[in-house]
Amino acid sequence: MPKANITFDDIGKTVSVPAGTRVIEVSEQIGAGIMYGCREGDCGTCMMHVLEGRNNLTEPSVLEEKVLRENMANGQDRLACQAQILGDCRIKPA
């Protein structure tokens, strides 16, 4: 299975994970600072800034785009519970 590196700027840690892993799962495992509420893409609590590698995450769903708009996100923001890692990226909590 392909692997990808994700860097969490808030804690200065990079980890290698299987492609397709959701960002929130990695954040929980390593104790990064992404907070979450519903884990369903509905509350917006887990919003994160994608600093590098936005194109290395899955495309946002219609629901995620709606929640991001409602939370006045910018073009570099994603929901950690929805974004799956496909390649190397660098993120931080919003």
PDB file of N, CA and C in Angstrom:
ATOM      1  N   MET A   1       0.846  -1.185   0.000  1.00  0.00           N
ATOM      2  CA  MET A   1       0.000   0.000   0.000  1.00  0.00           C
ATOM      3  C   MET A   1       0.889   1.245   0.000  1.00  0.00           C
ATOM      4  N   PRO A   2       0.558   2.232  -0.850  1.00  0.00           N
ATOM      5  CA  PRO A   2       1.361   3.456  -0.889  1.00  0.00           C
ATOM      6  C   PRO A   2       1.315   4.201   0.442  1.00  0.00           C
ATOM      7  N   LYS A   3       2.393   4.904   0.730  1.00  0.00           N
ATOM      8  CA  LYS A   3       2.500   5.692   1.962  1.00  0.00           C
ATOM      9  C   LYS A   3       2.628   7.168   1.596  1.00  0.00           C
ATOM     10  N   ALA A   4       2.313   8.021   2.546  1.00  0.00           N
ATOM     11  CA  ALA A   4       2.452   9.466   2.382  1.00  0.00           C
ATOM     12  C   ALA A   4       2.910  10.056   3.706  1.00  0.00           C
ATOM     13  N   ASN A   5       3.627  11.161   3.627  1.00  0.00           N
ATOM     14  CA  ASN A   5       4.075  11.865   4.827  1.00  0.00           C
ATOM     15  C   ASN A   5       3.165  13.054   5.094  1.00  0.00           C
ATOM     16  N   ILE A   6       2.753  13.198   6.347  1.00  0.00           N
ATOM     17  CA  ILE A   6       1.980  14.365   6.755  1.00  0.00           C
ATOM     18  C   ILE A   6       2.716  15.034   7.906  1.00  0.00           C
ATOM     19  N   THR A   7       2.880  16.343   7.784  1.00  0.00           N
ATOM     20  CA  THR A   7       3.555  17.130   8.811  1.00  0.00           C
ATOM     21  C   THR A   7       2.524  17.988   9.529  1.00  0.00           C
ATOM     22  N   PHE A   8       2.544  17.909  10.863  1.00  0.00           N
ATOM     23  CA  PHE A   8       1.684  18.733  11.708  1.00  0.00           C
ATOM     24  C   PHE A   8       2.541  19.868  12.248  1.00  0.00           C
ATOM     25  N   ASP A   9       2.380  21.069  11.689  1.00  0.00           N
ATOM     26  CA  ASP A   9       3.203  22.214  12.083  1.00  0.00           C
ATOM     27  C   ASP A   9       3.037  22.589  13.549  1.00  0.00           C
ATOM     28  N   ASP A  10       1.858  22.367  14.121  1.00  0.00           N
ATOM     29  CA  ASP A  10       1.618  22.784  15.505  1.00  0.00           C
ATOM     30  C   ASP A  10       2.490  22.034  16.498  1.00  0.00           C
ATOM     31  N   ILE A  11       2.879  20.805  16.169  1.00  0.00           N
ATOM     32  CA  ILE A  11       3.734  20.036  17.081  1.00  0.00           C
ATOM     33  C   ILE A  11       5.079  19.682  16.449  1.00  0.00           C
ATOM     34  N   GLY A  12       5.314  20.136  15.208  1.00  0.00           N
ATOM     35  CA  GLY A  12       6.588  19.894  14.541  1.00  0.00           C
ATOM     36  C   GLY A  12       6.882  18.428  14.298  1.00  0.00           C
ATOM     37  N   LYS A  13       5.858  17.667  13.939  1.00  0.00           N
ATOM     38  CA  LYS A  13       6.036  16.228  13.770  1.00  0.00           C
ATOM     39  C   LYS A  13       5.573  15.795  12.385  1.00  0.00           C
ATOM     40  N   THR A  14       6.380  14.931  11.746  1.00  0.00           N
ATOM     41  CA  THR A  14       6.037  14.338  10.455  1.00  0.00           C
ATOM     42  C   THR A  14       5.910  12.842  10.639  1.00  0.00           C
ATOM     43  N   VAL A  15       4.841  12.270  10.105  1.00  0.00           N
ATOM     44  CA  VAL A  15       4.630  10.828  10.194  1.00  0.00           C
ATOM     45  C   VAL A  15       4.284  10.281   8.819  1.00  0.00           C
ATOM     46  N   SER A  16       4.636   9.025   8.607  1.00  0.00           N
ATOM     47  CA  SER A  16       4.314   8.314   7.373  1.00  0.00           C
ATOM     48  C   SER A  16       3.085   7.457   7.632  1.00  0.00           C
ATOM     49  N   VAL A  17       2.086   7.589   6.754  1.00  0.00           N
ATOM     50  CA  VAL A  17       0.821   6.875   6.936  1.00  0.00           C
ATOM     51  C   VAL A  17       0.397   6.230   5.621  1.00  0.00           C
ATOM     52  N   PRO A  18      -0.445   5.199   5.685  1.00  0.00           N
ATOM     53  CA  PRO A  18      -0.977   4.615   4.452  1.00  0.00           C
ATOM     54  C   PRO A  18      -1.861   5.630   3.719  1.00  0.00           C
ATOM     55  N   ALA A  19      -1.730   5.686   2.405  1.00  0.00           N
ATOM     56  CA  ALA A  19      -2.594   6.554   1.608  1.00  0.00           C
ATOM     57  C   ALA A  19      -4.046   6.189   1.882  1.00  0.00           C
ATOM     58  N   GLY A  20      -4.900   7.198   1.980  1.00  0.00           N
ATOM     59  CA  GLY A  20      -6.314   6.988   2.262  1.00  0.00           C
ATOM     60  C   GLY A  20      -6.686   7.205   3.713  1.00  0.00           C
ATOM     61  N   THR A  21      -5.685   7.413   4.573  1.00  0.00           N
ATOM     62  CA  THR A  21      -5.939   7.665   5.993  1.00  0.00           C
ATOM     63  C   THR A  21      -6.519   9.067   6.163  1.00  0.00           C
ATOM     64  N   ARG A  22      -7.511   9.209   7.012  1.00  0.00           N
ATOM     65  CA  ARG A  22      -8.079  10.532   7.295  1.00  0.00           C
ATOM     66  C   ARG A  22      -7.144  11.301   8.234  1.00  0.00           C
ATOM     67  N   VAL A  23      -7.018  12.586   7.994  1.00  0.00           N
ATOM     68  CA  VAL A  23      -6.127  13.434   8.789  1.00  0.00           C
ATOM     69  C   VAL A  23      -6.476  13.355  10.274  1.00  0.00           C
ATOM     70  N   ILE A  24      -7.757  13.349  10.618  1.00  0.00           N
ATOM     71  CA  ILE A  24      -8.159  13.343  12.031  1.00  0.00           C
ATOM     72  C   ILE A  24      -7.663  12.091  12.747  1.00  0.00           C
ATOM     73  N   GLU A  25      -7.599  10.965  12.051  1.00  0.00           N
ATOM     74  CA  GLU A  25      -7.121   9.720  12.663  1.00  0.00           C
ATOM     75  C   GLU A  25      -5.658   9.844  13.064  1.00  0.00           C
ATOM     76  N   VAL A  26      -4.859  10.439  12.189  1.00  0.00           N
ATOM     77  CA  VAL A  26      -3.434  10.621  12.480  1.00  0.00           C
ATOM     78  C   VAL A  26      -3.264  11.624  13.616  1.00  0.00           C
ATOM     79  N   SER A  27      -4.010  12.715  13.555  1.00  0.00           N
ATOM     80  CA  SER A  27      -3.936  13.739  14.595  1.00  0.00           C
ATOM     81  C   SER A  27      -4.207  13.143  15.972  1.00  0.00           C
ATOM     82  N   GLU A  28      -5.229  12.319  16.065  1.00  0.00           N
ATOM     83  CA  GLU A  28      -5.560  11.665  17.342  1.00  0.00           C
ATOM     84  C   GLU A  28      -4.427  10.764  17.817  1.00  0.00           C
ATOM     85  N   GLN A  29      -3.885   9.978  16.904  1.00  0.00           N
ATOM     86  CA  GLN A  29      -2.852   9.000  17.269  1.00  0.00           C
ATOM     87  C   GLN A  29      -1.588   9.649  17.804  1.00  0.00           C
ATOM     88  N   ILE A  30      -1.223  10.812  17.252  1.00  0.00           N
ATOM     89  CA  ILE A  30       0.044  11.426  17.658  1.00  0.00           C
ATOM     90  C   ILE A  30      -0.137  12.607  18.611  1.00  0.00           C
ATOM     91  N   GLY A  31      -1.370  12.940  18.938  1.00  0.00           N
ATOM     92  CA  GLY A  31      -1.616  14.029  19.876  1.00  0.00           C
ATOM     93  C   GLY A  31      -1.444  15.416  19.297  1.00  0.00           C
ATOM     94  N   ALA A  32      -1.712  15.574  17.999  1.00  0.00           N
ATOM     95  CA  ALA A  32      -1.664  16.908  17.390  1.00  0.00           C
ATOM     96  C   ALA A  32      -2.879  17.702  17.865  1.00  0.00           C
ATOM     97  N   GLY A  33      -2.889  18.991  17.602  1.00  0.00           N
ATOM     98  CA  GLY A  33      -3.894  19.872  18.189  1.00  0.00           C
ATOM     99  C   GLY A  33      -5.183  20.076  17.428  1.00  0.00           C
ATOM    100  N   ILE A  34      -5.538  19.194  16.518  1.00  0.00           N
ATOM    101  CA  ILE A  34      -6.801  19.364  15.802  1.00  0.00           C
ATOM    102  C   ILE A  34      -7.942  18.871  16.686  1.00  0.00           C
ATOM    103  N   MET A  35      -8.841  19.772  17.011  1.00  0.00           N
ATOM    104  CA  MET A  35     -10.009  19.437  17.826  1.00  0.00           C
ATOM    105  C   MET A  35     -11.100  18.904  16.910  1.00  0.00           C
ATOM    106  N   TYR A  36     -12.038  18.174  17.465  1.00  0.00           N
ATOM    107  CA  TYR A  36     -13.150  17.687  16.652  1.00  0.00           C
ATOM    108  C   TYR A  36     -14.384  17.523  17.518  1.00  0.00           C
ATOM    109  N   GLY A  37     -15.528  17.478  16.832  1.00  0.00           N
ATOM    110  CA  GLY A  37     -16.798  17.293  17.518  1.00  0.00           C
ATOM    111  C   GLY A  37     -17.494  16.056  16.994  1.00  0.00           C
ATOM    112  N   CYS A  38     -18.032  16.164  15.786  1.00  0.00           N
ATOM    113  CA  CYS A  38     -18.908  15.108  15.275  1.00  0.00           C
ATOM    114  C   CYS A  38     -18.192  14.000  14.499  1.00  0.00           C
ATOM    115  N   ARG A  39     -17.066  14.278  13.894  1.00  0.00           N
ATOM    116  CA  ARG A  39     -16.330  13.341  13.024  1.00  0.00           C
ATOM    117  C   ARG A  39     -17.135  12.951  11.788  1.00  0.00           C
ATOM    118  N   GLU A  40     -18.174  13.700  11.480  1.00  0.00           N
ATOM    119  CA  GLU A  40     -19.058  13.395  10.350  1.00  0.00           C
ATOM    120  C   GLU A  40     -18.990  14.463   9.261  1.00  0.00           C
ATOM    121  N   GLY A  41     -18.206  15.509   9.461  1.00  0.00           N
ATOM    122  CA  GLY A  41     -18.127  16.581   8.483  1.00  0.00           C
ATOM    123  C   GLY A  41     -19.249  17.587   8.604  1.00  0.00           C
ATOM    124  N   ASP A  42     -19.901  17.633   9.749  1.00  0.00           N
ATOM    125  CA  ASP A  42     -21.078  18.473   9.902  1.00  0.00           C
ATOM    126  C   ASP A  42     -20.869  19.691  10.796  1.00  0.00           C
ATOM    127  N   CYS A  43     -19.938  19.618  11.758  1.00  0.00           N
ATOM    128  CA  CYS A  43     -19.833  20.695  12.749  1.00  0.00           C
ATOM    129  C   CYS A  43     -18.756  21.735  12.421  1.00  0.00           C
ATOM    130  N   GLY A  44     -17.733  21.381  11.665  1.00  0.00           N
ATOM    131  CA  GLY A  44     -16.675  22.318  11.314  1.00  0.00           C
ATOM    132  C   GLY A  44     -15.606  22.494  12.370  1.00  0.00           C
ATOM    133  N   THR A  45     -15.707  21.807  13.491  1.00  0.00           N
ATOM    134  CA  THR A  45     -14.748  21.956  14.587  1.00  0.00           C
ATOM    135  C   THR A  45     -13.331  21.575  14.173  1.00  0.00           C
ATOM    136  N   CYS A  46     -13.193  20.607  13.291  1.00  0.00           N
ATOM    137  CA  CYS A  46     -11.867  20.081  12.932  1.00  0.00           C
ATOM    138  C   CYS A  46     -11.236  20.801  11.743  1.00  0.00           C
ATOM    139  N   MET A  47     -11.656  22.032  11.479  1.00  0.00           N
ATOM    140  CA  MET A  47     -11.086  22.768  10.356  1.00  0.00           C
ATOM    141  C   MET A  47      -9.578  22.931  10.542  1.00  0.00           C
ATOM    142  N   MET A  48      -8.860  22.766   9.450  1.00  0.00           N
ATOM    143  CA  MET A  48      -7.395  22.875   9.466  1.00  0.00           C
ATOM    144  C   MET A  48      -6.952  23.692   8.263  1.00  0.00           C
ATOM    145  N   HIS A  49      -5.755  24.294   8.370  1.00  0.00           N
ATOM    146  CA  HIS A  49      -5.124  25.001   7.260  1.00  0.00           C
ATOM    147  C   HIS A  49      -4.169  24.025   6.580  1.00  0.00           C
ATOM    148  N   VAL A  50      -4.276  23.915   5.272  1.00  0.00           N
ATOM    149  CA  VAL A  50      -3.345  23.096   4.499  1.00  0.00           C
ATOM    150  C   VAL A  50      -2.248  24.033   4.001  1.00  0.00           C
ATOM    151  N   LEU A  51      -1.054  23.885   4.548  1.00  0.00           N
ATOM    152  CA  LEU A  51       0.061  24.770   4.223  1.00  0.00           C
ATOM    153  C   LEU A  51       0.778  24.332   2.961  1.00  0.00           C
ATOM    154  N   GLU A  52       0.844  23.036   2.728  1.00  0.00           N
ATOM    155  CA  GLU A  52       1.458  22.472   1.517  1.00  0.00           C
ATOM    156  C   GLU A  52       0.741  21.178   1.177  1.00  0.00           C
ATOM    157  N   GLY A  53       0.633  20.893  -0.117  1.00  0.00           N
ATOM    158  CA  GLY A  53       0.107  19.608  -0.550  1.00  0.00           C
ATOM    159  C   GLY A  53      -1.406  19.497  -0.587  1.00  0.00           C
ATOM    160  N   ARG A  54      -2.093  20.600  -0.795  1.00  0.00           N
ATOM    161  CA  ARG A  54      -3.566  20.546  -0.862  1.00  0.00           C
ATOM    162  C   ARG A  54      -4.030  19.553  -1.922  1.00  0.00           C
ATOM    163  N   ASN A  55      -3.298  19.493  -3.027  1.00  0.00           N
ATOM    164  CA  ASN A  55      -3.663  18.558  -4.100  1.00  0.00           C
ATOM    165  C   ASN A  55      -3.343  17.110  -3.740  1.00  0.00           C
ATOM    166  N   ASN A  56      -2.716  16.882  -2.601  1.00  0.00           N
ATOM    167  CA  ASN A  56      -2.422  15.523  -2.131  1.00  0.00           C
ATOM    168  C   ASN A  56      -3.450  15.034  -1.113  1.00  0.00           C
ATOM    169  N   LEU A  57      -4.580  15.733  -1.044  1.00  0.00           N
ATOM    170  CA  LEU A  57      -5.710  15.309  -0.218  1.00  0.00           C
ATOM    171  C   LEU A  57      -6.880  15.019  -1.156  1.00  0.00           C
ATOM    172  N   THR A  58      -7.797  14.164  -0.717  1.00  0.00           N
ATOM    173  CA  THR A  58      -8.980  13.897  -1.528  1.00  0.00           C
ATOM    174  C   THR A  58      -9.762  15.190  -1.745  1.00  0.00           C
ATOM    175  N   GLU A  59     -10.547  15.217  -2.801  1.00  0.00           N
ATOM    176  CA  GLU A  59     -11.392  16.377  -3.088  1.00  0.00           C
ATOM    177  C   GLU A  59     -12.466  16.511  -2.010  1.00  0.00           C
ATOM    178  N   PRO A  60     -12.810  17.733  -1.636  1.00  0.00           N
ATOM    179  CA  PRO A  60     -13.869  17.909  -0.640  1.00  0.00           C
ATOM    180  C   PRO A  60     -15.232  17.489  -1.202  1.00  0.00           C
ATOM    181  N   SER A  61     -16.038  16.911  -0.347  1.00  0.00           N
ATOM    182  CA  SER A  61     -17.403  16.528  -0.729  1.00  0.00           C
ATOM    183  C   SER A  61     -18.288  17.776  -0.747  1.00  0.00           C
ATOM    184  N   VAL A  62     -19.495  17.633  -1.262  1.00  0.00           N
ATOM    185  CA  VAL A  62     -20.458  18.738  -1.260  1.00  0.00           C
ATOM    186  C   VAL A  62     -20.738  19.182   0.178  1.00  0.00           C
ATOM    187  N   LEU A  63     -20.910  18.226   1.090  1.00  0.00           N
ATOM    188  CA  LEU A  63     -21.155  18.561   2.497  1.00  0.00           C
ATOM    189  C   LEU A  63     -19.982  19.331   3.089  1.00  0.00           C
ATOM    190  N   GLU A  64     -18.753  18.861   2.836  1.00  0.00           N
ATOM    191  CA  GLU A  64     -17.585  19.557   3.383  1.00  0.00           C
ATOM    192  C   GLU A  64     -17.511  20.977   2.844  1.00  0.00           C
ATOM    193  N   GLU A  65     -17.724  21.161   1.550  1.00  0.00           N
ATOM    194  CA  GLU A  65     -17.683  22.505   0.975  1.00  0.00           C
ATOM    195  C   GLU A  65     -18.729  23.413   1.628  1.00  0.00           C
ATOM    196  N   LYS A  66     -19.911  22.889   1.901  1.00  0.00           N
ATOM    197  CA  LYS A  66     -20.975  23.653   2.557  1.00  0.00           C
ATOM    198  C   LYS A  66     -20.539  24.077   3.960  1.00  0.00           C
ATOM    199  N   VAL A  67     -19.997  23.136   4.733  1.00  0.00           N
ATOM    200  CA  VAL A  67     -19.560  23.437   6.102  1.00  0.00           C
ATOM    201  C   VAL A  67     -18.413  24.443   6.087  1.00  0.00           C
ATOM    202  N   LEU A  68     -17.489  24.308   5.155  1.00  0.00           N
ATOM    203  CA  LEU A  68     -16.384  25.265   5.055  1.00  0.00           C
ATOM    204  C   LEU A  68     -16.914  26.666   4.747  1.00  0.00           C
ATOM    205  N   ARG A  69     -17.855  26.771   3.821  1.00  0.00           N
ATOM    206  CA  ARG A  69     -18.459  28.079   3.505  1.00  0.00           C
ATOM    207  C   ARG A  69     -19.138  28.674   4.737  1.00  0.00           C
ATOM    208  N   GLU A  70     -19.908  27.851   5.449  1.00  0.00           N
ATOM    209  CA  GLU A  70     -20.624  28.328   6.639  1.00  0.00           C
ATOM    210  C   GLU A  70     -19.671  28.820   7.724  1.00  0.00           C
ATOM    211  N   ASN A  71     -18.451  28.275   7.740  1.00  0.00           N
ATOM    212  CA  ASN A  71     -17.453  28.662   8.740  1.00  0.00           C
ATOM    213  C   ASN A  71     -16.461  29.682   8.199  1.00  0.00           C
ATOM    214  N   MET A  72     -16.795  30.288   7.059  1.00  0.00           N
ATOM    215  CA  MET A  72     -15.979  31.330   6.428  1.00  0.00           C
ATOM    216  C   MET A  72     -14.526  30.903   6.231  1.00  0.00           C
ATOM    217  N   ALA A  73     -14.346  29.675   5.799  1.00  0.00           N
ATOM    218  CA  ALA A  73     -13.003  29.152   5.558  1.00  0.00           C
ATOM    219  C   ALA A  73     -12.400  29.802   4.318  1.00  0.00           C
ATOM    220  N   ASN A  74     -11.071  29.823   4.280  1.00  0.00           N
ATOM    221  CA  ASN A  74     -10.414  30.305   3.064  1.00  0.00           C
ATOM    222  C   ASN A  74     -10.103  29.112   2.158  1.00  0.00           C
ATOM    223  N   GLY A  75      -9.508  29.355   1.028  1.00  0.00           N
ATOM    224  CA  GLY A  75      -9.251  28.315   0.038  1.00  0.00           C
ATOM    225  C   GLY A  75      -8.255  27.253   0.468  1.00  0.00           C
ATOM    226  N   GLN A  76      -7.557  27.472   1.560  1.00  0.00           N
ATOM    227  CA  GLN A  76      -6.574  26.495   2.025  1.00  0.00           C
ATOM    228  C   GLN A  76      -7.087  25.672   3.204  1.00  0.00           C
ATOM    229  N   ASP A  77      -8.321  25.848   3.575  1.00  0.00           N
ATOM    230  CA  ASP A  77      -8.873  25.135   4.725  1.00  0.00           C
ATOM    231  C   ASP A  77      -9.604  23.865   4.298  1.00  0.00           C
ATOM    232  N   ARG A  78      -9.528  22.862   5.152  1.00  0.00           N
ATOM    233  CA  ARG A  78     -10.237  21.595   4.957  1.00  0.00           C
ATOM    234  C   ARG A  78     -10.708  21.100   6.314  1.00  0.00           C
ATOM    235  N   LEU A  79     -11.593  20.107   6.299  1.00  0.00           N
ATOM    236  CA  LEU A  79     -12.020  19.440   7.524  1.00  0.00           C
ATOM    237  C   LEU A  79     -11.178  18.187   7.693  1.00  0.00           C
ATOM    238  N   ALA A  80     -10.525  18.063   8.835  1.00  0.00           N
ATOM    239  CA  ALA A  80      -9.626  16.929   9.081  1.00  0.00           C
ATOM    240  C   ALA A  80     -10.367  15.601   9.113  1.00  0.00           C
ATOM    241  N   CYS A  81     -11.647  15.631   9.466  1.00  0.00           N
ATOM    242  CA  CYS A  81     -12.405  14.376   9.528  1.00  0.00           C
ATOM    243  C   CYS A  81     -12.808  13.881   8.144  1.00  0.00           C
ATOM    244  N   GLN A  82     -12.714  14.750   7.151  1.00  0.00           N
ATOM    245  CA  GLN A  82     -13.125  14.388   5.795  1.00  0.00           C
ATOM    246  C   GLN A  82     -11.947  14.190   4.849  1.00  0.00           C
ATOM    247  N   ALA A  83     -10.879  14.932   5.036  1.00  0.00           N
ATOM    248  CA  ALA A  83      -9.736  14.889   4.123  1.00  0.00           C
ATOM    249  C   ALA A  83      -8.926  13.610   4.317  1.00  0.00           C
ATOM    250  N   GLN A  84      -8.767  12.876   3.229  1.00  0.00           N
ATOM    251  CA  GLN A  84      -7.928  11.677   3.238  1.00  0.00           C
ATOM    252  C   GLN A  84      -6.593  12.015   2.585  1.00  0.00           C
ATOM    253  N   ILE A  85      -5.529  11.491   3.147  1.00  0.00           N
ATOM    254  CA  ILE A  85      -4.175  11.786   2.698  1.00  0.00           C
ATOM    255  C   ILE A  85      -3.827  10.882   1.517  1.00  0.00           C
ATOM    256  N   LEU A  86      -3.444  11.498   0.390  1.00  0.00           N
ATOM    257  CA  LEU A  86      -3.047  10.739  -0.797  1.00  0.00           C
ATOM    258  C   LEU A  86      -1.562  10.881  -1.097  1.00  0.00           C
ATOM    259  N   GLY A  87      -0.962  11.962  -0.612  1.00  0.00           N
ATOM    260  CA  GLY A  87       0.452  12.238  -0.829  1.00  0.00           C
ATOM    261  C   GLY A  87       0.934  13.176   0.266  1.00  0.00           C
ATOM    262  N   ASP A  88       2.175  13.611   0.163  1.00  0.00           N
ATOM    263  CA  ASP A  88       2.783  14.437   1.208  1.00  0.00           C
ATOM    264  C   ASP A  88       2.047  15.766   1.375  1.00  0.00           C
ATOM    265  N   CYS A  89       1.862  16.165   2.636  1.00  0.00           N
ATOM    266  CA  CYS A  89       1.202  17.434   2.928  1.00  0.00           C
ATOM    267  C   CYS A  89       1.664  17.951   4.284  1.00  0.00           C
ATOM    268  N   ARG A  90       1.393  19.250   4.498  1.00  0.00           N
ATOM    269  CA  ARG A  90       1.750  19.914   5.754  1.00  0.00           C
ATOM    270  C   ARG A  90       0.541  20.720   6.197  1.00  0.00           C
ATOM    271  N   ILE A  91       0.127  20.531   7.450  1.00  0.00           N
ATOM    272  CA  ILE A  91      -1.097  21.167   7.939  1.00  0.00           C
ATOM    273  C   ILE A  91      -0.894  21.745   9.338  1.00  0.00           C
ATOM    274  N   LYS A  92      -1.880  22.553   9.762  1.00  0.00           N
ATOM    275  CA  LYS A  92      -1.931  23.037  11.145  1.00  0.00           C
ATOM    276  C   LYS A  92      -3.393  23.286  11.482  1.00  0.00           C
ATOM    277  N   PRO A  93      -3.757  23.248  12.756  1.00  0.00           N
ATOM    278  CA  PRO A  93      -5.144  23.531  13.136  1.00  0.00           C
ATOM    279  C   PRO A  93      -5.538  24.948  12.717  1.00  0.00           C
ATOM    280  N   ALA A  94      -6.798  25.138  12.385  1.00  0.00           N
ATOM    281  CA  ALA A  94      -7.285  26.477  12.002  1.00  0.00           C
ATOM    282  C   ALA A  94      -7.499  27.329  13.239  1.00  0.00           C
TER     283      ALA A  94
END
